[in-house]
PDB file of N, CA and C in Angstrom:
ATOM      1  N   MET A   1      92.394 117.189  83.266  1.00  0.00           N
ATOM      2  CA  MET A   1      92.086 115.798  83.521  1.00  0.00           C
ATOM      3  C   MET A   1      92.001 115.066  82.184  1.00  0.00           C
ATOM      4  N   ASP A   2      92.519 113.869  82.138  1.00  0.00           N
ATOM      5  CA  ASP A   2      92.442 113.122  80.876  1.00  0.00           C
ATOM      6  C   ASP A   2      91.141 112.321  80.814  1.00  0.00           C
ATOM      7  N   ARG A   3      90.816 111.867  79.629  1.00  0.00           N
ATOM      8  CA  ARG A   3      89.539 111.201  79.384  1.00  0.00           C
ATOM      9  C   ARG A   3      89.342 109.954  80.249  1.00  0.00           C
ATOM     10  N   GLN A   4      90.354 109.115  80.327  1.00  0.00           N
ATOM     11  CA  GLN A   4      90.228 107.864  81.084  1.00  0.00           C
ATOM     12  C   GLN A   4      89.944 108.143  82.561  1.00  0.00           C
ATOM     13  N   ALA A   5      90.672 109.081  83.145  1.00  0.00           N
ATOM     14  CA  ALA A   5      90.458 109.428  84.553  1.00  0.00           C
ATOM     15  C   ALA A   5      89.076 110.055  84.744  1.00  0.00           C
ATOM     16  N   PHE A   6      88.653 110.871  83.794  1.00  0.00           N
ATOM     17  CA  PHE A   6      87.339 111.502  83.879  1.00  0.00           C
ATOM     18  C   PHE A   6      86.226 110.463  83.843  1.00  0.00           C
ATOM     19  N   GLU A   7      86.319 109.527  82.908  1.00  0.00           N
ATOM     20  CA  GLU A   7      85.286 108.486  82.814  1.00  0.00           C
ATOM     21  C   GLU A   7      85.247 107.625  84.075  1.00  0.00           C
ATOM     22  N   ALA A   8      86.402 107.320  84.631  1.00  0.00           N
ATOM     23  CA  ALA A   8      86.446 106.548  85.880  1.00  0.00           C
ATOM     24  C   ALA A   8      85.773 107.326  87.012  1.00  0.00           C
ATOM     25  N   ARG A   9      86.025 108.628  87.061  1.00  0.00           N
ATOM     26  CA  ARG A   9      85.408 109.478  88.100  1.00  0.00           C
ATOM     27  C   ARG A   9      83.893 109.543  87.928  1.00  0.00           C
ATOM     28  N   LEU A  10      83.436 109.645  86.663  1.00  0.00           N
ATOM     29  CA  LEU A  10      81.992 109.642  86.416  1.00  0.00           C
ATOM     30  C   LEU A  10      81.352 108.385  86.996  1.00  0.00           C
ATOM     31  N   LYS A  11      81.945 107.234  86.705  1.00  0.00           N
ATOM     32  CA  LYS A  11      81.400 105.962  87.194  1.00  0.00           C
ATOM     33  C   LYS A  11      81.385 105.926  88.717  1.00  0.00           C
ATOM     34  N   GLU A  12      82.462 106.392  89.346  1.00  0.00           N
ATOM     35  CA  GLU A  12      82.532 106.437  90.805  1.00  0.00           C
ATOM     36  C   GLU A  12      81.426 107.305  91.388  1.00  0.00           C
ATOM     37  N   ASP A  13      81.082 108.377  90.662  1.00  0.00           N
ATOM     38  CA  ASP A  13      80.090 109.335  91.142  1.00  0.00           C
ATOM     39  C   ASP A  13      78.657 108.975  90.733  1.00  0.00           C
ATOM     40  N   GLY A  14      78.462 107.800  90.119  1.00  0.00           N
ATOM     41  CA  GLY A  14      77.118 107.331  89.815  1.00  0.00           C
ATOM     42  C   GLY A  14      76.549 107.738  88.469  1.00  0.00           C
ATOM     43  N   TYR A  15      77.389 108.231  87.572  1.00  0.00           N
ATOM     44  CA  TYR A  15      76.928 108.568  86.220  1.00  0.00           C
ATOM     45  C   TYR A  15      76.892 107.274  85.406  1.00  0.00           C
ATOM     46  N   THR A  16      75.698 106.906  84.944  1.00  0.00           N
ATOM     47  CA  THR A  16      75.524 105.609  84.299  1.00  0.00           C
ATOM     48  C   THR A  16      75.589 105.657  82.782  1.00  0.00           C
ATOM     49  N   GLU A  17      75.221 106.772  82.176  1.00  0.00           N
ATOM     50  CA  GLU A  17      75.318 106.918  80.711  1.00  0.00           C
ATOM     51  C   GLU A  17      76.521 107.775  80.405  1.00  0.00           C
ATOM     52  N   ILE A  18      77.495 107.203  79.709  1.00  0.00           N
ATOM     53  CA  ILE A  18      78.710 107.938  79.355  1.00  0.00           C
ATOM     54  C   ILE A  18      78.914 107.792  77.863  1.00  0.00           C
ATOM     55  N   GLU A  19      79.104 108.924  77.185  1.00  0.00           N
ATOM     56  CA  GLU A  19      79.327 108.872  75.741  1.00  0.00           C
ATOM     57  C   GLU A  19      80.267 109.987  75.306  1.00  0.00           C
ATOM     58  N   ALA A  20      81.002 109.712  74.232  1.00  0.00           N
ATOM     59  CA  ALA A  20      81.854 110.713  73.603  1.00  0.00           C
ATOM     60  C   ALA A  20      81.176 111.124  72.312  1.00  0.00           C
ATOM     61  N   LYS A  21      81.245 112.419  72.006  1.00  0.00           N
ATOM     62  CA  LYS A  21      80.633 112.870  70.767  1.00  0.00           C
ATOM     63  C   LYS A  21      81.293 114.143  70.264  1.00  0.00           C
ATOM     64  N   PHE A  22      81.178 114.348  68.954  1.00  0.00           N
ATOM     65  CA  PHE A  22      81.640 115.583  68.328  1.00  0.00           C
ATOM     66  C   PHE A  22      80.411 116.402  67.995  1.00  0.00           C
ATOM     67  N   LEU A  23      80.421 117.661  68.376  1.00  0.00           N
ATOM     68  CA  LEU A  23      79.305 118.561  68.136  1.00  0.00           C
ATOM     69  C   LEU A  23      79.719 119.629  67.126  1.00  0.00           C
ATOM     70  N   GLN A  24      78.908 119.826  66.111  1.00  0.00           N
ATOM     71  CA  GLN A  24      79.172 120.852  65.106  1.00  0.00           C
ATOM     72  C   GLN A  24      78.958 122.235  65.720  1.00  0.00           C
ATOM     73  N   ALA A  25      79.653 123.218  65.185  1.00  0.00           N
ATOM     74  CA  ALA A  25      79.472 124.603  65.623  1.00  0.00           C
ATOM     75  C   ALA A  25      78.009 124.996  65.470  1.00  0.00           C
ATOM     76  N   ARG A  26      77.487 125.738  66.464  1.00  0.00           N
ATOM     77  CA  ARG A  26      76.113 126.222  66.375  1.00  0.00           C
ATOM     78  C   ARG A  26      75.882 127.293  67.433  1.00  0.00           C
ATOM     79  N   PRO A  27      74.934 128.185  67.157  1.00  0.00           N
ATOM     80  CA  PRO A  27      74.588 129.190  68.165  1.00  0.00           C
ATOM     81  C   PRO A  27      73.853 128.520  69.326  1.00  0.00           C
ATOM     82  N   ALA A  28      73.616 129.292  70.357  1.00  0.00           N
ATOM     83  CA  ALA A  28      72.953 128.761  71.544  1.00  0.00           C
ATOM     84  C   ALA A  28      71.575 128.210  71.213  1.00  0.00           C
ATOM     85  N   ASN A  29      71.253 127.076  71.807  1.00  0.00           N
ATOM     86  CA  ASN A  29      69.908 126.524  71.665  1.00  0.00           C
ATOM     87  C   ASN A  29      68.985 127.214  72.671  1.00  0.00           C
ATOM     88  N   ASP A  30      67.709 126.893  72.626  1.00  0.00           N
ATOM     89  CA  ASP A  30      66.754 127.484  73.559  1.00  0.00           C
ATOM     90  C   ASP A  30      67.040 127.001  74.974  1.00  0.00           C
ATOM     91  N   GLU A  31      66.711 127.856  75.938  1.00  0.00           N
ATOM     92  CA  GLU A  31      66.876 127.473  77.335  1.00  0.00           C
ATOM     93  C   GLU A  31      66.011 126.248  77.621  1.00  0.00           C
ATOM     94  N   HIS A  32      66.575 125.320  78.379  1.00  0.00           N
ATOM     95  CA  HIS A  32      65.886 124.074  78.689  1.00  0.00           C
ATOM     96  C   HIS A  32      66.495 123.487  79.957  1.00  0.00           C
ATOM     97  N   ASP A  33      65.960 122.349  80.389  1.00  0.00           N
ATOM     98  CA  ASP A  33      66.561 121.619  81.497  1.00  0.00           C
ATOM     99  C   ASP A  33      66.567 120.138  81.142  1.00  0.00           C
ATOM    100  N   HIS A  34      67.192 119.349  81.978  1.00  0.00           N
ATOM    101  CA  HIS A  34      67.276 117.898  81.777  1.00  0.00           C
ATOM    102  C   HIS A  34      66.721 117.200  83.017  1.00  0.00           C
ATOM    103  N   ASP A  35      66.262 115.976  82.835  1.00  0.00           N
ATOM    104  CA  ASP A  35      65.774 115.197  83.979  1.00  0.00           C
ATOM    105  C   ASP A  35      66.908 114.431  84.660  1.00  0.00           C
ATOM    106  N   CYS A  36      68.139 114.783  84.316  1.00  0.00           N
ATOM    107  CA  CYS A  36      69.320 114.136  84.889  1.00  0.00           C
ATOM    108  C   CYS A  36      70.413 115.178  85.081  1.00  0.00           C
ATOM    109  N   ALA A  37      71.371 114.855  85.946  1.00  0.00           N
ATOM    110  CA  ALA A  37      72.559 115.690  86.080  1.00  0.00           C
ATOM    111  C   ALA A  37      73.484 115.352  84.912  1.00  0.00           C
ATOM    112  N   VAL A  38      74.157 116.369  84.386  1.00  0.00           N
ATOM    113  CA  VAL A  38      75.072 116.178  83.268  1.00  0.00           C
ATOM    114  C   VAL A  38      76.435 116.733  83.670  1.00  0.00           C
ATOM    115  N   ARG A  39      77.470 115.942  83.386  1.00  0.00           N
ATOM    116  CA  ARG A  39      78.848 116.405  83.610  1.00  0.00           C
ATOM    117  C   ARG A  39      79.647 116.032  82.381  1.00  0.00           C
ATOM    118  N   GLY A  40      80.444 116.974  81.878  1.00  0.00           N
ATOM    119  CA  GLY A  40      81.201 116.710  80.669  1.00  0.00           C
ATOM    120  C   GLY A  40      82.617 117.247  80.724  1.00  0.00           C
ATOM    121  N   LEU A  41      83.480 116.613  79.970  1.00  0.00           N
ATOM    122  CA  LEU A  41      84.871 117.023  79.807  1.00  0.00           C
ATOM    123  C   LEU A  41      85.048 117.429  78.354  1.00  0.00           C
ATOM    124  N   VAL A  42      85.574 118.624  78.136  1.00  0.00           N
ATOM    125  CA  VAL A  42      85.856 119.084  76.774  1.00  0.00           C
ATOM    126  C   VAL A  42      87.204 118.517  76.353  1.00  0.00           C
ATOM    127  N   LEU A  43      87.201 117.785  75.236  1.00  0.00           N
ATOM    128  CA  LEU A  43      88.439 117.213  74.692  1.00  0.00           C
ATOM    129  C   LEU A  43      89.049 118.114  73.635  1.00  0.00           C
ATOM    130  N   ALA A  44      88.202 118.810  72.876  1.00  0.00           N
ATOM    131  CA  ALA A  44      88.669 119.723  71.823  1.00  0.00           C
ATOM    132  C   ALA A  44      87.580 120.754  71.566  1.00  0.00           C
ATOM    133  N   GLY A  45      87.974 121.938  71.118  1.00  0.00           N
ATOM    134  CA  GLY A  45      87.011 122.975  70.775  1.00  0.00           C
ATOM    135  C   GLY A  45      86.511 123.728  71.993  1.00  0.00           C
ATOM    136  N   THR A  46      85.325 124.335  71.836  1.00  0.00           N
ATOM    137  CA  THR A  46      84.738 125.152  72.893  1.00  0.00           C
ATOM    138  C   THR A  46      83.272 124.782  73.085  1.00  0.00           C
ATOM    139  N   PHE A  47      82.896 124.513  74.331  1.00  0.00           N
ATOM    140  CA  PHE A  47      81.518 124.198  74.714  1.00  0.00           C
ATOM    141  C   PHE A  47      81.094 125.286  75.691  1.00  0.00           C
ATOM    142  N   ILE A  48      80.006 125.969  75.387  1.00  0.00           N
ATOM    143  CA  ILE A  48      79.573 127.121  76.175  1.00  0.00           C
ATOM    144  C   ILE A  48      78.239 126.814  76.847  1.00  0.00           C
ATOM    145  N   VAL A  49      78.169 127.069  78.139  1.00  0.00           N
ATOM    146  CA  VAL A  49      76.932 126.895  78.900  1.00  0.00           C
ATOM    147  C   VAL A  49      76.510 128.267  79.412  1.00  0.00           C
ATOM    148  N   LYS A  50      75.230 128.604  79.193  1.00  0.00           N
ATOM    149  CA  LYS A  50      74.685 129.864  79.681  1.00  0.00           C
ATOM    150  C   LYS A  50      73.596 129.564  80.697  1.00  0.00           C
ATOM    151  N   ARG A  51      73.758 130.158  81.882  1.00  0.00           N
ATOM    152  CA  ARG A  51      72.769 130.044  82.964  1.00  0.00           C
ATOM    153  C   ARG A  51      72.319 131.466  83.282  1.00  0.00           C
ATOM    154  N   GLY A  52      71.073 131.782  82.981  1.00  0.00           N
ATOM    155  CA  GLY A  52      70.616 133.157  83.183  1.00  0.00           C
ATOM    156  C   GLY A  52      71.436 134.088  82.307  1.00  0.00           C
ATOM    157  N   ASP A  53      72.073 135.075  82.917  1.00  0.00           N
ATOM    158  CA  ASP A  53      72.902 136.024  82.166  1.00  0.00           C
ATOM    159  C   ASP A  53      74.377 135.650  82.165  1.00  0.00           C
ATOM    160  N   VAL A  54      74.726 134.515  82.764  1.00  0.00           N
ATOM    161  CA  VAL A  54      76.131 134.110  82.880  1.00  0.00           C
ATOM    162  C   VAL A  54      76.463 133.086  81.807  1.00  0.00           C
ATOM    163  N   ARG A  55      77.417 133.442  80.951  1.00  0.00           N
ATOM    164  CA  ARG A  55      77.853 132.593  79.836  1.00  0.00           C
ATOM    165  C   ARG A  55      79.283 132.139  80.130  1.00  0.00           C
ATOM    166  N   THR A  56      79.500 130.824  80.214  1.00  0.00           N
ATOM    167  CA  THR A  56      80.820 130.292  80.551  1.00  0.00           C
ATOM    168  C   THR A  56      81.311 129.394  79.426  1.00  0.00           C
ATOM    169  N   ALA A  57      82.499 129.701  78.913  1.00  0.00           N
ATOM    170  CA  ALA A  57      83.109 128.900  77.843  1.00  0.00           C
ATOM    171  C   ALA A  57      84.080 127.901  78.462  1.00  0.00           C
ATOM    172  N   TYR A  58      83.936 126.642  78.069  1.00  0.00           N
ATOM    173  CA  TYR A  58      84.805 125.568  78.542  1.00  0.00           C
ATOM    174  C   TYR A  58      85.664 125.104  77.383  1.00  0.00           C
ATOM    175  N   ARG A  59      86.951 124.915  77.649  1.00  0.00           N
ATOM    176  CA  ARG A  59      87.920 124.544  76.624  1.00  0.00           C
ATOM    177  C   ARG A  59      88.578 123.209  76.990  1.00  0.00           C
ATOM    178  N   PRO A  60      89.413 122.667  76.111  1.00  0.00           N
ATOM    179  CA  PRO A  60      90.013 121.352  76.370  1.00  0.00           C
ATOM    180  C   PRO A  60      90.597 121.225  77.778  1.00  0.00           C
ATOM    181  N   GLY A  61      90.216 120.118  78.423  1.00  0.00           N
ATOM    182  CA  GLY A  61      90.687 119.833  79.764  1.00  0.00           C
ATOM    183  C   GLY A  61      89.771 120.365  80.856  1.00  0.00           C
ATOM    184  N   GLU A  62      88.760 121.157  80.480  1.00  0.00           N
ATOM    185  CA  GLU A  62      87.864 121.736  81.477  1.00  0.00           C
ATOM    186  C   GLU A  62      86.570 120.928  81.575  1.00  0.00           C
ATOM    187  N   ILE A  63      86.000 120.929  82.764  1.00  0.00           N
ATOM    188  CA  ILE A  63      84.799 120.146  83.058  1.00  0.00           C
ATOM    189  C   ILE A  63      83.626 121.091  83.289  1.00  0.00           C
ATOM    190  N   PHE A  64      82.504 120.760  82.657  1.00  0.00           N
ATOM    191  CA  PHE A  64      81.274 121.511  82.888  1.00  0.00           C
ATOM    192  C   PHE A  64      80.255 120.586  83.531  1.00  0.00           C
ATOM    193  N   SER A  65      79.301 121.174  84.222  1.00  0.00           N
ATOM    194  CA  SER A  65      78.224 120.368  84.806  1.00  0.00           C
ATOM    195  C   SER A  65      76.950 121.192  84.859  1.00  0.00           C
ATOM    196  N   VAL A  66      75.842 120.489  84.750  1.00  0.00           N
ATOM    197  CA  VAL A  66      74.518 121.097  84.836  1.00  0.00           C
ATOM    198  C   VAL A  66      73.679 120.176  85.717  1.00  0.00           C
ATOM    199  N   ALA A  67      73.094 120.739  86.746  1.00  0.00           N
ATOM    200  CA  ALA A  67      72.268 119.952  87.670  1.00  0.00           C
ATOM    201  C   ALA A  67      70.950 119.559  87.017  1.00  0.00           C
ATOM    202  N   ALA A  68      70.376 118.463  87.451  1.00  0.00           N
ATOM    203  CA  ALA A  68      69.051 118.053  86.979  1.00  0.00           C
ATOM    204  C   ALA A  68      68.070 119.182  87.277  1.00  0.00           C
ATOM    205  N   GLY A  69      67.252 119.535  86.281  1.00  0.00           N
ATOM    206  CA  GLY A  69      66.246 120.569  86.453  1.00  0.00           C
ATOM    207  C   GLY A  69      66.750 121.997  86.332  1.00  0.00           C
ATOM    208  N   GLU A  70      68.038 122.196  86.110  1.00  0.00           N
ATOM    209  CA  GLU A  70      68.604 123.543  86.017  1.00  0.00           C
ATOM    210  C   GLU A  70      68.397 124.120  84.610  1.00  0.00           C
ATOM    211  N   ASP A  71      67.771 125.287  84.517  1.00  0.00           N
ATOM    212  CA  ASP A  71      67.590 125.955  83.229  1.00  0.00           C
ATOM    213  C   ASP A  71      68.933 126.445  82.700  1.00  0.00           C
ATOM    214  N   HIS A  72      69.168 126.182  81.414  1.00  0.00           N
ATOM    215  CA  HIS A  72      70.427 126.584  80.784  1.00  0.00           C
ATOM    216  C   HIS A  72      70.268 126.493  79.269  1.00  0.00           C
ATOM    217  N   SER A  73      71.261 126.997  78.543  1.00  0.00           N
ATOM    218  CA  SER A  73      71.354 126.768  77.103  1.00  0.00           C
ATOM    219  C   SER A  73      72.801 126.422  76.799  1.00  0.00           C
ATOM    220  N   GLU A  74      73.018 125.843  75.621  1.00  0.00           N
ATOM    221  CA  GLU A  74      74.357 125.420  75.221  1.00  0.00           C
ATOM    222  C   GLU A  74      74.679 125.984  73.848  1.00  0.00           C
ATOM    223  N   GLU A  75      75.917 126.343  73.658  1.00  0.00           N
ATOM    224  CA  GLU A  75      76.418 126.852  72.381  1.00  0.00           C
ATOM    225  C   GLU A  75      77.719 126.126  72.084  1.00  0.00           C
ATOM    226  N   ILE A  76      77.981 125.883  70.799  1.00  0.00           N
ATOM    227  CA  ILE A  76      79.218 125.218  70.402  1.00  0.00           C
ATOM    228  C   ILE A  76      80.050 126.217  69.611  1.00  0.00           C
ATOM    229  N   GLY A  77      81.323 126.376  69.989  1.00  0.00           N
ATOM    230  CA  GLY A  77      82.212 127.336  69.351  1.00  0.00           C
ATOM    231  C   GLY A  77      82.414 127.069  67.867  1.00  0.00           C
ATOM    232  N   PRO A  78      83.034 128.022  67.161  1.00  0.00           N
ATOM    233  CA  PRO A  78      83.166 127.955  65.703  1.00  0.00           C
ATOM    234  C   PRO A  78      83.932 126.737  65.184  1.00  0.00           C
ATOM    235  N   GLU A  79      84.766 126.137  66.008  1.00  0.00           N
ATOM    236  CA  GLU A  79      85.536 124.966  65.592  1.00  0.00           C
ATOM    237  C   GLU A  79      84.842 123.658  65.954  1.00  0.00           C
ATOM    238  N   GLY A  80      83.641 123.757  66.539  1.00  0.00           N
ATOM    239  CA  GLY A  80      82.959 122.568  67.021  1.00  0.00           C
ATOM    240  C   GLY A  80      83.521 122.190  68.382  1.00  0.00           C
ATOM    241  N   ALA A  81      83.093 121.072  68.903  1.00  0.00           N
ATOM    242  CA  ALA A  81      83.587 120.609  70.200  1.00  0.00           C
ATOM    243  C   ALA A  81      83.508 119.093  70.271  1.00  0.00           C
ATOM    244  N   GLU A  82      84.530 118.509  70.849  1.00  0.00           N
ATOM    245  CA  GLU A  82      84.527 117.083  71.155  1.00  0.00           C
ATOM    246  C   GLU A  82      84.436 116.981  72.666  1.00  0.00           C
ATOM    247  N   VAL A  83      83.444 116.228  73.153  1.00  0.00           N
ATOM    248  CA  VAL A  83      83.208 116.124  74.587  1.00  0.00           C
ATOM    249  C   VAL A  83      82.935 114.676  74.996  1.00  0.00           C
ATOM    250  N   VAL A  84      83.198 114.385  76.253  1.00  0.00           N
ATOM    251  CA  VAL A  84      82.751 113.144  76.884  1.00  0.00           C
ATOM    252  C   VAL A  84      81.743 113.592  77.918  1.00  0.00           C
ATOM    253  N   VAL A  85      80.541 113.013  77.865  1.00  0.00           N
ATOM    254  CA  VAL A  85      79.458 113.453  78.738  1.00  0.00           C
ATOM    255  C   VAL A  85      78.905 112.272  79.510  1.00  0.00           C
ATOM    256  N   GLY A  86      78.644 112.514  80.789  1.00  0.00           N
ATOM    257  CA  GLY A  86      77.986 111.523  81.630  1.00  0.00           C
ATOM    258  C   GLY A  86      76.657 112.050  82.114  1.00  0.00           C
ATOM    259  N   ARG A  87      75.689 111.141  82.262  1.00  0.00           N
ATOM    260  CA  ARG A  87      74.363 111.499  82.763  1.00  0.00           C
ATOM    261  C   ARG A  87      74.062 110.665  84.014  1.00  0.00           C
ATOM    262  N   LYS A  88      73.529 111.336  85.030  1.00  0.00           N
ATOM    263  CA  LYS A  88      73.200 110.673  86.284  1.00  0.00           C
ATOM    264  C   LYS A  88      71.722 110.872  86.564  1.00  0.00           C
ATOM    265  N   TYR A  89      70.952 109.766  86.558  1.00  0.00           N
ATOM    266  CA  TYR A  89      69.502 109.831  86.775  1.00  0.00           C
ATOM    267  C   TYR A  89      69.153 109.579  88.215  1.00  0.00           C
TER     268      TYR A  89
END
């Protein structure tokens, strides 16, 4: 999915905060949750989400999502990651 179509879909689905950002490479952060649903599209690099013992790597063109209140951690691959992320409160 391309960025423009993804952002349009986020808006249709009620995601009100949409931002693009580049994330530097880093190991997994501590497990946490958010008070909002998060959905993101990877534009470049690798964005990794770990839920419990399941670690899933997302690459360009792939969409990740984390439900509000869901425990998880995030890791950024060695090349960093460029993502577009939407938040739904």
